[in-house]
Amino acid sequence: MDLTKIDQLDIVLLCGLYGSGKTEFAVKYFKGKDRSRISRSDIRKAMFEMTSFGEKWEAGKFSEESDVLVKFIEKRIVEHFIHLKKKILVINTFVTKKSRHSIIETARQTKKTVGVIFLNRPLEQCLERNKQAGSLVPQEVIYALSHKIELPDKSEGFDETLILTYK
């Protein structure tokens, strides 16, 4: 797989359903490439464990109220790395245009290039892979997100788009 164009971008969004393989893909193709990684799942986990006196995070403990803060923290980390002139990989589901908009706008306002990789894996595979993962995301969450998928395209403001469809 040729990621030459994507590698040159300042900001890359890595998107897909839970269980689509985002973390695995990130490690395989981006680890050791001088790019800072930001994961909303990791922010949720760290924030929960910090505020709950070390209680172990589980995906079922997700709450919309705390996710507002998670998104705020993610945005500030992105801005921080932009200020440090670091290349960034932002990992999240980002299944809708609306969910990707904030990062694209930040890139445009700071005159940074931005691209997206969408891992388009069949729902059944995502559900099965999710069962095997350490932090199990409730199936109903994955089902709900699967019905909202809007595949990314350049018209959203991306410099490059890559959609990887699995069979």
Protein backbone atom coordinates (compact mmCIF):
# COMPACT_ATOMS: atom_id res chain seq x y z
CA MET A 1 0.00 0.00 0.00
CA ASP A 2 1.42 3.37 -1.01
CA LEU A 3 0.84 6.00 1.67
CA THR A 4 3.38 8.47 0.23
CA LYS A 5 0.88 11.30 -0.28
CA ILE A 6 -0.77 10.72 3.11
CA ASP A 7 2.62 10.62 4.89
CA GLN A 8 3.39 14.12 3.65
CA LEU A 9 0.29 15.68 5.21
CA ASP A 10 0.34 17.61 8.49
CA ILE A 11 -2.83 16.02 9.90
CA VAL A 12 -4.27 12.60 9.11
CA LEU A 13 -7.62 11.33 10.39
CA LEU A 14 -7.85 7.56 10.74
CA CYS A 15 -11.52 6.60 10.76
CA GLY A 16 -13.80 3.58 10.85
CA LEU A 17 -16.21 1.69 13.05
CA TYR A 18 -15.10 0.22 16.35
CA GLY A 19 -13.44 -3.07 15.45
CA SER A 20 -12.39 -1.90 11.98
CA GLY A 21 -8.68 -2.09 12.86
CA LYS A 22 -7.71 1.56 13.35
CA THR A 23 -5.19 0.96 16.14
CA GLU A 24 -3.65 -2.00 14.33
CA PHE A 25 -3.39 0.05 11.11
CA ALA A 26 -1.85 3.00 12.97
CA VAL A 27 0.85 0.85 14.52
CA LYS A 28 1.62 -0.92 11.24
CA TYR A 29 1.82 2.17 9.02
CA PHE A 30 2.58 5.15 11.29
CA LYS A 31 4.57 3.99 14.30
CA GLY A 32 8.10 5.38 14.23
CA LYS A 33 7.33 7.95 11.52
CA ASP A 34 7.68 11.08 13.67
CA ARG A 35 3.93 11.64 13.86
CA SER A 36 2.10 12.29 17.13
CA ARG A 37 -0.90 10.04 17.77
CA ILE A 38 -4.14 11.27 19.35
CA SER A 39 -6.87 8.78 20.19
CA ARG A 40 -10.22 9.83 21.61
CA SER A 41 -10.58 6.33 23.11
CA ASP A 42 -7.32 6.79 24.99
CA ILE A 43 -8.40 10.24 26.20
CA ARG A 44 -11.70 8.74 27.47
CA LYS A 45 -9.85 5.96 29.27
CA ALA A 46 -7.27 8.26 30.89
CA MET A 47 -9.88 10.80 31.93
CA PHE A 48 -12.20 8.16 33.42
CA GLU A 49 -9.46 6.40 35.34
CA MET A 50 -8.07 9.69 36.65
CA THR A 51 -11.42 11.02 37.85
CA SER A 52 -12.59 7.64 39.20
CA PHE A 53 -9.58 7.08 41.46
CA GLY A 54 -8.06 4.44 39.17
CA GLU A 55 -11.22 2.41 38.53
CA LYS A 56 -10.67 0.47 35.31
CA TRP A 57 -12.26 1.97 32.18
CA GLU A 58 -14.77 -0.07 30.19
CA ALA A 59 -16.45 1.12 27.00
CA GLY A 60 -19.86 0.62 28.62
CA LYS A 61 -19.03 3.47 31.00
CA PHE A 62 -19.07 5.98 28.14
CA SER A 63 -21.25 9.02 28.75
CA GLU A 64 -22.30 11.82 26.41
CA GLU A 65 -21.74 14.38 29.19
CA SER A 66 -18.06 13.52 29.61
CA ASP A 67 -17.55 13.19 25.85
CA VAL A 68 -17.97 16.96 25.47
CA LEU A 69 -14.81 17.32 27.58
CA VAL A 70 -13.05 14.54 25.65
CA LYS A 71 -13.66 16.37 22.35
CA PHE A 72 -12.43 19.62 23.91
CA ILE A 73 -9.23 17.92 25.12
CA GLU A 74 -8.71 16.30 21.70
CA LYS A 75 -9.02 19.69 19.98
CA ARG A 76 -6.54 21.31 22.40
CA ILE A 77 -4.03 18.49 21.88
CA VAL A 78 -4.35 18.91 18.10
CA GLU A 79 -3.79 22.67 18.45
CA HIS A 80 -0.81 22.05 20.77
CA PHE A 81 0.89 19.72 18.27
CA ILE A 82 0.17 22.16 15.42
CA HIS A 83 1.85 24.90 17.48
CA LEU A 84 4.87 22.59 17.95
CA LYS A 85 4.88 21.96 14.16
CA LYS A 86 4.35 18.22 14.66
CA LYS A 87 2.66 15.91 12.21
CA ILE A 88 -0.48 14.41 13.74
CA LEU A 89 -2.51 11.20 13.44
CA VAL A 90 -6.00 11.56 14.96
CA ILE A 91 -7.80 8.26 15.56
CA ASN A 92 -11.54 8.09 16.11
CA THR A 93 -14.62 6.64 14.42
CA PHE A 94 -15.31 9.94 12.53
CA VAL A 95 -18.09 8.22 10.57
CA THR A 96 -19.98 11.43 9.68
CA LYS A 97 -19.02 14.61 7.88
CA LYS A 98 -20.08 16.58 10.95
CA SER A 99 -17.71 14.59 13.20
CA ARG A 100 -14.76 15.35 10.90
CA HIS A 101 -15.58 19.04 10.37
CA SER A 102 -13.87 20.49 13.47
CA ILE A 103 -10.47 18.99 12.66
CA ILE A 104 -10.71 20.03 9.00
CA GLU A 105 -11.58 23.58 10.09
CA THR A 106 -8.65 23.67 12.52
CA ALA A 107 -6.34 22.52 9.72
CA ARG A 108 -7.66 25.18 7.33
CA GLN A 109 -7.44 27.98 9.91
CA THR A 110 -3.82 27.07 10.69
CA LYS A 111 -2.93 26.51 7.03
CA LYS A 112 -2.11 22.82 7.56
CA THR A 113 -2.72 20.00 5.13
CA VAL A 114 -5.23 17.36 6.16
CA GLY A 115 -6.13 13.92 4.88
CA VAL A 116 -8.26 10.98 5.85
CA ILE A 117 -7.99 7.20 5.81
CA PHE A 118 -11.31 5.42 6.26
CA LEU A 119 -11.23 1.71 7.11
CA ASN A 120 -14.45 0.47 5.53
CA ARG A 121 -14.78 -2.98 7.05
CA PRO A 122 -18.07 -4.95 6.95
CA LEU A 123 -20.23 -4.59 10.07
CA GLU A 124 -20.10 -8.33 10.85
CA GLN A 125 -16.28 -8.26 10.89
CA CYS A 126 -16.24 -5.18 13.13
CA LEU A 127 -18.61 -6.84 15.58
CA GLU A 128 -16.50 -10.00 15.68
CA ARG A 129 -13.21 -8.09 16.02
CA ASN A 130 -14.76 -5.96 18.77
CA LYS A 131 -15.61 -9.13 20.75
CA GLN A 132 -11.92 -10.07 20.62
CA ALA A 133 -10.71 -6.60 21.67
CA GLY A 134 -9.76 -5.67 25.22
CA SER A 135 -12.35 -2.90 25.73
CA LEU A 136 -15.65 -4.19 24.41
CA VAL A 137 -17.84 -1.50 22.85
CA PRO A 138 -21.55 -2.35 23.15
CA GLN A 139 -22.90 -3.90 19.93
CA GLU A 140 -25.77 -1.41 19.77
CA VAL A 141 -23.23 1.45 19.58
CA ILE A 142 -21.50 -0.18 16.60
CA TYR A 143 -24.85 -0.90 14.90
CA ALA A 144 -25.97 2.72 15.40
CA LEU A 145 -22.71 4.12 14.01
CA SER A 146 -22.83 1.77 11.02
CA HIS A 147 -26.12 3.37 9.93
CA LYS A 148 -24.60 6.85 10.06
CA ILE A 149 -21.55 6.21 7.89
CA GLU A 150 -20.82 8.94 5.36
CA LEU A 151 -17.68 8.01 3.48
CA PRO A 152 -15.24 10.94 3.37
CA ASP A 153 -14.44 12.80 0.17
CA LYS A 154 -12.32 15.77 -0.86
CA SER A 155 -15.33 18.09 -1.00
CA GLU A 156 -15.23 18.17 2.83
CA GLY A 157 -11.90 20.00 2.64
CA PHE A 158 -9.41 17.12 2.64
CA ASP A 159 -6.21 17.34 0.63
CA GLU A 160 -6.13 13.56 0.28
CA THR A 161 -8.64 10.77 0.92
CA LEU A 162 -8.06 7.03 1.09
CA ILE A 163 -10.91 4.58 1.62
CA LEU A 164 -9.79 1.02 2.29
CA THR A 165 -12.65 -1.43 1.70
CA TYR A 166 -12.32 -4.87 3.24
CA LYS A 167 -14.24 -7.90 2.01
